[in-house]
Protein backbone atom coordinates (compact mmCIF):
# COMPACT_ATOMS: atom_id res chain seq x y z
CA GLU A 1 0.38 0.05 -0.09
CA LYS A 2 2.74 2.71 0.85
CA LEU A 3 4.31 1.75 -2.55
CA TYR A 4 1.12 2.66 -4.14
CA ILE A 5 0.74 6.04 -2.68
CA LEU A 6 4.77 6.51 -3.51
CA LEU A 7 3.73 5.88 -7.23
CA ILE A 8 0.82 8.05 -6.94
CA ILE A 9 2.83 10.93 -5.53
CA ILE A 10 5.69 10.79 -8.36
CA SER A 11 2.83 10.14 -10.68
CA ILE A 12 1.53 13.61 -9.91
CA ILE A 13 4.94 15.27 -9.01
CA THR A 14 5.94 14.28 -12.90
CA ILE A 15 2.68 15.76 -14.08
CA ILE A 16 3.41 18.85 -12.64
CA PHE A 17 6.59 19.28 -13.72
CA VAL A 18 6.01 18.33 -17.39
CA ALA A 19 2.80 20.92 -16.99
CA LEU A 20 5.53 23.76 -15.84
CA GLY A 21 8.04 22.91 -18.70
CA SER A 22 5.14 22.84 -21.34
CA LEU A 23 4.10 26.41 -19.80
CA VAL A 24 7.91 27.64 -19.66
CA ILE A 25 8.26 26.55 -23.51
CA ASN A 26 4.95 27.75 -24.49
CA PHE A 27 5.80 31.60 -22.78
CA SER A 28 9.23 31.36 -24.28
CA TYR A 29 7.99 30.99 -27.36
CA LEU A 30 4.98 34.02 -26.91
CA SER A 31 7.62 36.31 -25.26
CA ASN A 32 10.39 35.63 -28.65
CA PHE A 33 7.47 36.51 -31.03
CA ILE A 34 5.88 39.48 -29.10
CA PHE A 35 9.54 40.85 -29.37
CA ALA A 36 10.18 40.13 -32.86
CA ARG A 37 6.70 41.76 -33.85
CA VAL A 38 7.84 44.82 -31.58
CA GLY A 39 10.92 44.62 -32.98
CA SER A 40 9.79 44.73 -36.56
CA GLN A 41 7.26 47.68 -35.69
CA SER A 42 9.61 50.07 -34.55
CA GLU A 43 12.34 49.12 -37.44
CA MET A 44 9.57 49.98 -39.74
CA ASN A 45 8.78 53.39 -38.00
CA ASP A 46 12.56 54.49 -37.94
CA VAL A 47 12.60 53.60 -41.78
CA PHE A 48 9.38 55.41 -42.55
CA SER A 49 9.81 58.12 -40.85
CA ARG A 50 13.56 58.99 -42.46
CA LEU A 51 11.92 57.91 -46.05
CA ILE A 52 9.15 60.07 -45.35
CA ASN A 53 11.53 62.81 -44.13
CA GLU A 54 13.77 62.80 -47.03
CA LEU A 55 10.88 62.80 -49.70
CA ARG A 56 8.87 65.61 -48.05
CA ARG A 57 12.25 67.50 -47.89
CA ALA A 58 13.00 66.57 -51.85
CA THR A 59 14.14 69.76 -53.84
CA PRO A 60 15.99 70.08 -57.15
CA ALA A 61 19.38 68.46 -57.67
CA SER A 62 22.45 70.64 -57.35
CA ASP A 63 23.23 70.02 -60.98
CA GLY A 64 19.42 71.43 -61.69
CA ALA A 65 17.84 68.18 -62.62
CA TYR A 66 14.54 67.68 -61.23
CA PHE A 67 13.83 66.49 -57.62
CA ILE A 68 12.90 62.57 -58.52
CA GLN A 69 15.21 61.31 -60.77
CA SER A 70 13.49 57.57 -61.03
CA ALA A 71 10.36 56.04 -60.06
CA GLY A 72 9.79 52.57 -60.01
CA THR A 73 7.91 50.09 -58.68
CA SER A 74 11.17 48.54 -56.80
CA SER A 75 13.18 51.63 -56.25
CA ILE A 76 12.77 55.43 -56.23
CA VAL A 77 15.66 57.95 -56.75
CA PHE A 78 15.46 61.70 -55.64
CA PHE A 79 17.61 64.55 -54.65
CA SER A 80 17.51 66.16 -50.55
CA ASP A 81 19.29 67.99 -48.70
CA VAL A 82 19.92 65.26 -45.74
CA ILE A 83 23.29 66.46 -44.19
CA GLY A 84 22.75 69.96 -43.98
CA ASN A 85 25.75 70.83 -46.15
CA SER A 86 23.21 72.97 -48.80
CA ASN A 87 24.00 70.65 -51.56
CA THR A 88 21.55 68.01 -52.48
CA GLU A 89 22.16 64.44 -52.01
CA ARG A 90 21.02 61.76 -54.26
CA ILE A 91 18.72 59.37 -52.45
CA ARG A 92 17.85 55.72 -53.80
CA TYR A 93 15.64 53.52 -52.04
CA TYR A 94 15.54 50.00 -53.51
CA TYR A 95 14.77 46.41 -53.01
CA ASP A 96 17.17 44.05 -53.34
CA SER A 97 17.70 40.49 -52.14
CA GLY A 98 15.21 40.34 -50.15
CA ALA A 99 16.21 43.95 -48.13
CA LEU A 100 15.00 47.33 -48.33
CA LYS A 101 18.28 49.40 -48.97
CA ARG A 102 19.24 53.14 -49.27
CA GLY A 103 22.11 54.35 -51.46
CA LEU A 104 23.42 58.20 -50.77
CA VAL A 105 25.59 59.99 -53.15
CA VAL A 106 26.99 63.43 -52.12
CA ALA A 107 27.41 66.04 -54.80
CA SER A 108 31.10 66.84 -55.54
CA GLY A 109 33.10 69.22 -57.68
CA THR A 110 32.34 71.92 -59.81
CA PRO A 111 30.09 71.81 -62.01
CA VAL A 112 28.43 69.56 -59.74
CA ILE A 113 28.29 65.84 -60.38
CA TYR A 114 26.87 62.85 -58.67
CA ASP A 115 29.47 60.11 -58.98
CA ILE A 116 27.42 57.10 -58.37
CA SER A 117 30.73 54.87 -58.10
CA LYS A 118 30.70 56.82 -54.80
CA GLU A 119 27.31 55.79 -53.37
CA THR A 120 27.06 54.29 -50.07
CA ILE A 121 24.87 51.79 -49.35
CA LEU A 122 22.66 50.81 -46.35
CA THR A 123 20.31 47.88 -45.88
CA LEU A 124 17.33 49.31 -43.54
CA VAL A 125 15.14 46.46 -43.72
CA LYS A 126 15.34 42.67 -44.37
CA ASN A 127 12.96 39.74 -44.95
CA ILE A 128 10.91 41.83 -47.56
CA THR A 129 8.21 40.31 -49.78
CA VAL A 130 7.25 42.42 -53.02
CA ALA A 131 3.73 42.58 -53.25
CA SER A 132 2.45 42.58 -57.01
CA SER A 133 2.07 46.31 -57.36
CA GLY A 134 5.63 46.66 -55.64
CA ILE A 135 7.01 48.68 -52.93
CA PHE A 136 6.39 52.12 -54.78
CA SER A 137 3.21 53.20 -56.38
CA TYR A 138 2.69 56.87 -57.79
CA PHE A 139 -0.11 58.94 -58.06
CA GLY A 140 -0.99 61.98 -60.04
CA THR A 141 -3.05 65.29 -59.11
CA GLY A 142 -5.75 65.01 -57.09
CA ALA A 143 -4.87 61.38 -56.96
CA ASP A 144 -6.30 59.12 -53.83
CA VAL A 145 -3.72 56.62 -52.92
CA SER A 146 -6.92 53.90 -52.58
CA SER A 147 -7.24 54.76 -56.28
CA THR A 148 -5.35 53.65 -59.26
CA PRO A 149 -1.62 54.51 -59.36
CA LEU A 150 0.13 56.06 -62.44
CA THR A 151 0.76 53.89 -65.46
CA TYR A 152 4.17 53.05 -66.68
CA PRO A 153 6.40 54.64 -67.92
CA ILE A 154 5.77 57.28 -65.44
CA SER A 155 6.65 60.95 -66.15
CA VAL A 156 8.47 61.99 -63.01
CA SER A 157 6.71 65.42 -63.32
CA ASN A 158 3.15 63.92 -63.18
CA ILE A 159 4.14 62.21 -59.58
CA ARG A 160 2.13 63.94 -56.61
CA VAL A 161 2.07 61.28 -54.20
CA ILE A 162 4.35 58.33 -53.31
CA LYS A 163 2.90 55.34 -51.88
CA ILE A 164 4.94 53.03 -49.96
CA ASN A 165 4.08 49.33 -49.07
CA ILE A 166 6.26 47.05 -47.39
CA LEU A 167 5.56 43.47 -46.52
CA ILE A 168 7.82 42.11 -43.94
CA THR A 169 7.81 37.81 -43.84
CA GLU A 170 9.19 36.82 -40.48
CA THR A 171 9.70 33.15 -39.28
CA ILE A 172 9.86 32.70 -35.61
CA ARG A 173 10.37 29.17 -33.95
CA GLY A 174 8.85 27.37 -37.44
CA VAL A 175 5.88 29.67 -37.53
CA LYS A 176 5.93 32.33 -40.53
CA SER A 177 3.95 35.83 -39.84
CA SER A 178 3.59 38.64 -42.62
CA ARG A 179 3.10 42.02 -41.57
CA ASN A 180 2.01 45.14 -43.75
CA PHE A 181 3.22 48.59 -43.55
CA THR A 182 2.04 51.07 -45.84
CA THR A 183 2.47 55.02 -45.64
CA ALA A 184 1.98 57.85 -48.49
CA VAL A 185 4.04 61.08 -48.71
CA SER A 186 3.76 64.25 -51.02
CA PRO A 187 6.92 66.00 -51.60
CA ARG A 188 6.96 69.53 -50.59
CA SER A 189 8.57 70.75 -53.72
CA ILE A 190 4.96 69.76 -55.17
CA LEU A 191 3.47 72.87 -53.81
CA PHE A 192 5.46 75.22 -55.94
CA GLN A 193 5.15 73.67 -58.96
């Protein structure tokens, strides 16, 4: 009879330890998942803040070129004084190998030139999946970003609003999760045209 009671006690203790172990593992998974989600949200807030600020301040290039050099679904090239040296820098945001990157070329020389071979590149966000509509969409006068974007080839002088749509796909402990981040910006230079 004592052996029977001892087996029952050992069984109960074993069940309690298995349950606690399972709870710790699930809590660890949940906390990792939450921290990864919060991290990607914070990362995207930083990227969008920088991108919006630079696009809003876009101005004609120091060599006189239009403030948007090129506009595609996976890249945009424009000019903005981001380092405060009274010259505009050439800024390129683009998709490359699952990442959103930013290239910066500082104007130099007299007359001013933008030496593309001196572009500095920074990876901003990884694990990006490009939607069929692309990362960048462009809208014309009076356009609502929920309407149909401008069609390609786009005349950059027709762009009034730029919509940025980034889909991040993360895998945390074997579980795939996607988050979509979207914003729109209208460069201030457009107001003076």
